[in-house]
């Protein structure tokens, strides 16, 4: 089911402008609306990202976006893959970690 939902793009901004050995970072949150689709089914997940996850979602966002994590419904998910379609749309695949036993290659 496709729904327009509010998500939070969470990015890590590394503070190594002055000192290259500085590993500290700040977190930046950007709210945006996206068409969020849940991907269910073992074969569909394998075809899209190469392995099975507990829960897998696709967020389609207008524009060119980057993030480290996504927050949806107060739960933080890791980003699995980002696909850019020119400058008009970004598809972000995110979800919970699944088992590595189904990984391809």
N, C-alpha and C. Protein backbone atom coordinates (compact mmCIF):
# COMPACT_ATOMS: atom_id res chain seq x y z
N UNK A 1 0.84 -1.18 0.00
CA UNK A 1 0.00 0.00 0.00
C UNK A 1 0.88 1.24 0.00
N UNK A 2 0.60 2.17 -0.87
CA UNK A 2 1.38 3.40 -0.98
C UNK A 2 0.66 4.51 -0.25
N UNK A 3 1.38 5.20 0.60
CA UNK A 3 0.81 6.32 1.34
C UNK A 3 1.80 7.46 1.41
N UNK A 4 1.29 8.67 1.38
CA UNK A 4 2.12 9.84 1.58
C UNK A 4 2.28 10.02 3.08
N UNK A 5 3.52 9.88 3.57
CA UNK A 5 3.77 9.92 5.00
C UNK A 5 4.93 10.85 5.32
N UNK A 6 4.92 11.33 6.54
CA UNK A 6 6.02 12.18 6.99
C UNK A 6 7.13 11.29 7.53
N UNK A 7 8.33 11.49 7.00
CA UNK A 7 9.50 10.77 7.49
C UNK A 7 10.56 11.79 7.88
N UNK A 8 11.54 11.33 8.64
CA UNK A 8 12.66 12.17 9.06
C UNK A 8 13.93 11.57 8.48
N UNK A 9 14.64 12.37 7.70
CA UNK A 9 15.94 11.97 7.17
C UNK A 9 17.00 12.38 8.17
N UNK A 10 17.67 11.41 8.77
CA UNK A 10 18.69 11.69 9.78
C UNK A 10 20.06 11.53 9.16
N UNK A 11 20.85 12.60 9.22
CA UNK A 11 22.19 12.61 8.62
C UNK A 11 23.24 12.87 9.69
N UNK A 12 24.40 12.25 9.50
CA UNK A 12 25.55 12.52 10.37
C UNK A 12 26.43 13.54 9.68
N UNK A 13 26.72 14.63 10.36
CA UNK A 13 27.62 15.66 9.83
C UNK A 13 28.93 15.56 10.59
N UNK A 14 29.98 15.16 9.91
CA UNK A 14 31.28 14.94 10.56
C UNK A 14 31.98 16.27 10.75
N UNK A 15 32.58 16.45 11.93
CA UNK A 15 33.22 17.71 12.31
C UNK A 15 34.73 17.68 12.09
N UNK A 16 35.18 17.23 10.93
CA UNK A 16 36.63 17.16 10.71
C UNK A 16 37.12 18.20 9.73
N UNK A 17 36.51 19.39 9.73
CA UNK A 17 36.96 20.45 8.84
C UNK A 17 38.36 20.95 9.18
N UNK A 18 38.64 21.10 10.48
CA UNK A 18 39.92 21.64 10.91
C UNK A 18 40.92 20.52 11.20
N UNK A 19 40.49 19.53 11.95
CA UNK A 19 41.36 18.43 12.36
C UNK A 19 40.88 17.15 11.70
N UNK A 20 41.70 16.55 10.85
CA UNK A 20 41.29 15.35 10.12
C UNK A 20 41.17 14.13 11.03
N UNK A 21 41.70 14.19 12.25
CA UNK A 21 41.60 13.08 13.19
C UNK A 21 40.38 13.19 14.10
N UNK A 22 39.62 14.24 13.95
CA UNK A 22 38.43 14.46 14.77
C UNK A 22 37.30 13.56 14.27
N UNK A 23 36.85 12.62 15.11
CA UNK A 23 35.79 11.68 14.73
C UNK A 23 34.42 12.09 15.24
N UNK A 24 34.30 13.25 15.81
CA UNK A 24 33.00 13.66 16.34
C UNK A 24 32.06 14.05 15.22
N UNK A 25 30.77 13.98 15.50
CA UNK A 25 29.77 14.31 14.49
C UNK A 25 28.53 14.88 15.16
N UNK A 26 27.75 15.59 14.38
CA UNK A 26 26.46 16.10 14.82
C UNK A 26 25.38 15.39 14.02
N UNK A 27 24.19 15.30 14.60
CA UNK A 27 23.05 14.69 13.93
C UNK A 27 22.15 15.81 13.41
N UNK A 28 21.77 15.71 12.14
CA UNK A 28 20.87 16.68 11.53
C UNK A 28 19.61 15.95 11.06
N UNK A 29 18.45 16.43 11.49
CA UNK A 29 17.18 15.83 11.10
C UNK A 29 16.44 16.75 10.13
N UNK A 30 15.93 16.18 9.05
CA UNK A 30 15.15 16.92 8.06
C UNK A 30 13.84 16.18 7.84
N UNK A 31 12.73 16.86 8.10
CA UNK A 31 11.42 16.25 7.87
C UNK A 31 11.01 16.47 6.42
N UNK A 32 10.40 15.45 5.84
CA UNK A 32 9.88 15.57 4.48
C UNK A 32 8.75 14.57 4.30
N UNK A 33 8.01 14.75 3.22
CA UNK A 33 6.95 13.82 2.89
C UNK A 33 7.43 12.91 1.77
N UNK A 34 7.03 11.64 1.87
CA UNK A 34 7.44 10.65 0.87
C UNK A 34 6.33 9.64 0.67
N UNK A 35 6.31 9.05 -0.50
CA UNK A 35 5.43 7.91 -0.75
C UNK A 35 6.15 6.69 -0.19
N UNK A 36 5.60 6.11 0.85
CA UNK A 36 6.23 4.98 1.52
C UNK A 36 5.46 3.71 1.18
N UNK A 37 6.19 2.71 0.69
CA UNK A 37 5.61 1.43 0.32
C UNK A 37 6.31 0.33 1.11
N UNK A 38 5.54 -0.54 1.74
CA UNK A 38 6.10 -1.70 2.43
C UNK A 38 6.31 -2.81 1.41
N UNK A 39 7.49 -3.43 1.44
CA UNK A 39 7.80 -4.54 0.53
C UNK A 39 7.67 -5.82 1.33
N UNK A 40 6.68 -6.61 1.00
CA UNK A 40 6.49 -7.87 1.72
C UNK A 40 6.73 -9.02 0.75
N UNK A 41 7.14 -10.11 1.29
CA UNK A 41 7.42 -11.28 0.47
C UNK A 41 8.90 -11.50 0.29
N UNK A 42 9.31 -12.72 0.49
CA UNK A 42 10.71 -13.11 0.41
C UNK A 42 11.30 -12.80 -0.96
N UNK A 43 10.64 -13.24 -2.03
CA UNK A 43 11.19 -13.09 -3.38
C UNK A 43 11.26 -11.64 -3.81
N UNK A 44 10.28 -10.84 -3.42
CA UNK A 44 10.29 -9.41 -3.77
C UNK A 44 11.47 -8.71 -3.13
N UNK A 45 11.76 -9.03 -1.86
CA UNK A 45 12.91 -8.42 -1.18
C UNK A 45 14.22 -8.87 -1.79
N UNK A 46 14.33 -10.14 -2.13
CA UNK A 46 15.55 -10.65 -2.78
C UNK A 46 15.77 -9.95 -4.12
N UNK A 47 14.70 -9.77 -4.89
CA UNK A 47 14.83 -9.13 -6.20
C UNK A 47 15.24 -7.66 -6.07
N UNK A 48 14.78 -6.97 -5.03
CA UNK A 48 15.09 -5.54 -4.89
C UNK A 48 16.48 -5.29 -4.30
N UNK A 49 16.81 -5.91 -3.18
CA UNK A 49 18.05 -5.55 -2.48
C UNK A 49 19.00 -6.71 -2.24
N UNK A 50 18.63 -7.93 -2.62
CA UNK A 50 19.57 -9.03 -2.54
C UNK A 50 19.50 -9.88 -1.29
N UNK A 51 18.71 -9.51 -0.30
CA UNK A 51 18.53 -10.37 0.87
C UNK A 51 17.21 -10.04 1.56
N UNK A 52 16.84 -10.88 2.50
CA UNK A 52 15.56 -10.72 3.18
C UNK A 52 15.73 -9.93 4.47
N UNK A 53 14.77 -9.05 4.73
CA UNK A 53 14.76 -8.24 5.93
C UNK A 53 13.49 -8.50 6.72
N UNK A 54 13.53 -8.19 8.02
CA UNK A 54 12.33 -8.29 8.84
C UNK A 54 11.22 -7.42 8.27
N UNK A 55 11.55 -6.17 8.02
CA UNK A 55 10.62 -5.25 7.37
C UNK A 55 11.43 -4.39 6.41
N UNK A 56 10.88 -4.19 5.23
CA UNK A 56 11.57 -3.43 4.19
C UNK A 56 10.58 -2.43 3.62
N UNK A 57 11.03 -1.19 3.46
CA UNK A 57 10.20 -0.12 2.94
C UNK A 57 10.94 0.59 1.82
N UNK A 58 10.17 1.22 0.93
CA UNK A 58 10.73 2.08 -0.10
C UNK A 58 10.09 3.45 0.07
N UNK A 59 10.92 4.49 0.19
CA UNK A 59 10.44 5.87 0.27
C UNK A 59 10.82 6.57 -1.02
N UNK A 60 9.83 7.11 -1.71
CA UNK A 60 10.07 7.87 -2.94
C UNK A 60 9.90 9.34 -2.62
N UNK A 61 11.01 10.09 -2.77
CA UNK A 61 11.05 11.49 -2.35
C UNK A 61 11.38 12.35 -3.56
N UNK A 62 10.73 13.49 -3.66
CA UNK A 62 11.06 14.44 -4.74
C UNK A 62 12.40 15.09 -4.43
N UNK A 63 13.23 15.21 -5.44
CA UNK A 63 14.51 15.88 -5.28
C UNK A 63 15.64 14.91 -4.99
N UNK A 64 16.83 15.46 -4.81
CA UNK A 64 18.06 14.72 -4.56
C UNK A 64 18.33 14.77 -3.06
N UNK A 65 18.15 13.67 -2.33
CA UNK A 65 18.26 13.64 -0.87
C UNK A 65 19.33 12.63 -0.45
N UNK A 66 19.94 12.91 0.70
CA UNK A 66 20.91 12.00 1.32
C UNK A 66 20.55 11.84 2.79
N UNK A 67 20.89 10.70 3.36
CA UNK A 67 20.63 10.46 4.78
C UNK A 67 21.45 9.26 5.24
N UNK A 68 21.61 9.15 6.56
CA UNK A 68 22.26 7.98 7.16
C UNK A 68 21.24 7.00 7.69
N UNK A 69 20.15 7.51 8.25
CA UNK A 69 19.06 6.71 8.79
C UNK A 69 17.75 7.40 8.49
N UNK A 70 16.66 6.65 8.64
CA UNK A 70 15.32 7.21 8.46
C UNK A 70 14.49 6.90 9.69
N UNK A 71 13.73 7.89 10.14
CA UNK A 71 12.82 7.70 11.26
C UNK A 71 11.40 7.72 10.69
N UNK A 72 10.66 6.64 10.94
CA UNK A 72 9.28 6.50 10.49
C UNK A 72 8.46 5.98 11.67
N UNK A 73 7.44 6.71 12.04
CA UNK A 73 6.58 6.33 13.18
C UNK A 73 7.39 6.12 14.46
N UNK A 74 8.31 7.02 14.75
CA UNK A 74 9.15 7.00 15.96
C UNK A 74 10.07 5.78 16.04
N UNK A 75 10.33 5.11 14.93
CA UNK A 75 11.28 4.00 14.89
C UNK A 75 12.37 4.37 13.89
N UNK A 76 13.61 4.13 14.28
CA UNK A 76 14.73 4.45 13.41
C UNK A 76 15.13 3.20 12.62
N UNK A 77 15.27 3.38 11.31
CA UNK A 77 15.63 2.28 10.41
C UNK A 77 16.94 2.61 9.72
N UNK A 78 17.69 1.56 9.39
CA UNK A 78 18.92 1.76 8.64
C UNK A 78 18.60 1.85 7.15
N UNK A 79 19.40 2.61 6.45
CA UNK A 79 19.24 2.72 5.00
C UNK A 79 20.01 1.59 4.34
N UNK A 80 19.32 0.88 3.48
CA UNK A 80 19.92 -0.26 2.80
C UNK A 80 20.53 0.19 1.47
N UNK A 81 19.77 1.02 0.75
CA UNK A 81 20.23 1.43 -0.57
C UNK A 81 19.54 2.75 -0.95
N UNK A 82 20.27 3.59 -1.66
CA UNK A 82 19.70 4.83 -2.19
C UNK A 82 19.88 4.81 -3.71
N UNK A 83 18.78 5.08 -4.42
CA UNK A 83 18.84 5.14 -5.88
C UNK A 83 18.37 6.53 -6.31
N UNK A 84 19.20 7.18 -7.12
CA UNK A 84 18.87 8.51 -7.62
C UNK A 84 18.36 8.40 -9.05
N UNK A 85 17.28 9.12 -9.33
CA UNK A 85 16.70 9.17 -10.67
C UNK A 85 16.82 10.60 -11.16
N UNK A 86 18.00 10.93 -11.68
CA UNK A 86 18.27 12.30 -12.11
C UNK A 86 18.21 13.23 -10.92
N UNK A 87 17.68 14.42 -11.14
CA UNK A 87 17.54 15.36 -10.03
C UNK A 87 16.09 15.46 -9.57
N UNK A 88 15.25 14.60 -10.13
CA UNK A 88 13.82 14.73 -9.84
C UNK A 88 13.33 13.84 -8.72
N UNK A 89 13.97 12.68 -8.49
CA UNK A 89 13.45 11.75 -7.50
C UNK A 89 14.55 10.91 -6.89
N UNK A 90 14.36 10.58 -5.62
CA UNK A 90 15.27 9.69 -4.90
C UNK A 90 14.44 8.55 -4.33
N UNK A 91 14.89 7.32 -4.53
CA UNK A 91 14.27 6.15 -3.91
C UNK A 91 15.21 5.66 -2.82
N UNK A 92 14.70 5.58 -1.59
CA UNK A 92 15.49 5.12 -0.46
C UNK A 92 14.88 3.83 0.06
N UNK A 93 15.67 2.77 0.07
CA UNK A 93 15.25 1.48 0.60
C UNK A 93 15.76 1.39 2.03
N UNK A 94 14.85 1.16 2.97
CA UNK A 94 15.25 1.09 4.37
C UNK A 94 14.45 0.03 5.09
N UNK A 95 15.02 -0.45 6.22
CA UNK A 95 14.31 -1.48 6.98
C UNK A 95 15.13 -1.97 8.15
N UNK A 96 14.60 -3.01 8.79
CA UNK A 96 15.31 -3.68 9.89
C UNK A 96 16.25 -4.71 9.33
N UNK A 97 17.33 -4.95 10.06
CA UNK A 97 18.30 -5.93 9.60
C UNK A 97 17.67 -7.31 9.55
N UNK A 98 18.01 -8.01 8.49
CA UNK A 98 17.56 -9.39 8.35
C UNK A 98 18.74 -10.32 8.50
N UNK A 99 18.53 -11.56 8.21
CA UNK A 99 19.61 -12.53 8.33
C UNK A 99 20.49 -12.46 7.09
N UNK A 100 21.78 -12.76 7.26
CA UNK A 100 22.73 -12.75 6.15
C UNK A 100 22.75 -14.07 5.39
N UNK A 101 22.01 -15.05 5.86
CA UNK A 101 22.05 -16.36 5.21
C UNK A 101 21.45 -16.33 3.81
N UNK A 102 20.61 -15.33 3.53
CA UNK A 102 19.98 -15.23 2.22
C UNK A 102 20.67 -14.24 1.30
N UNK A 103 21.83 -13.74 1.70
CA UNK A 103 22.53 -12.75 0.88
C UNK A 103 23.04 -13.38 -0.41
N UNK A 104 22.98 -12.62 -1.46
CA UNK A 104 23.48 -13.10 -2.74
C UNK A 104 24.96 -12.75 -2.85
N UNK A 105 25.72 -13.67 -3.40
CA UNK A 105 27.12 -13.41 -3.69
C UNK A 105 27.91 -13.26 -2.49
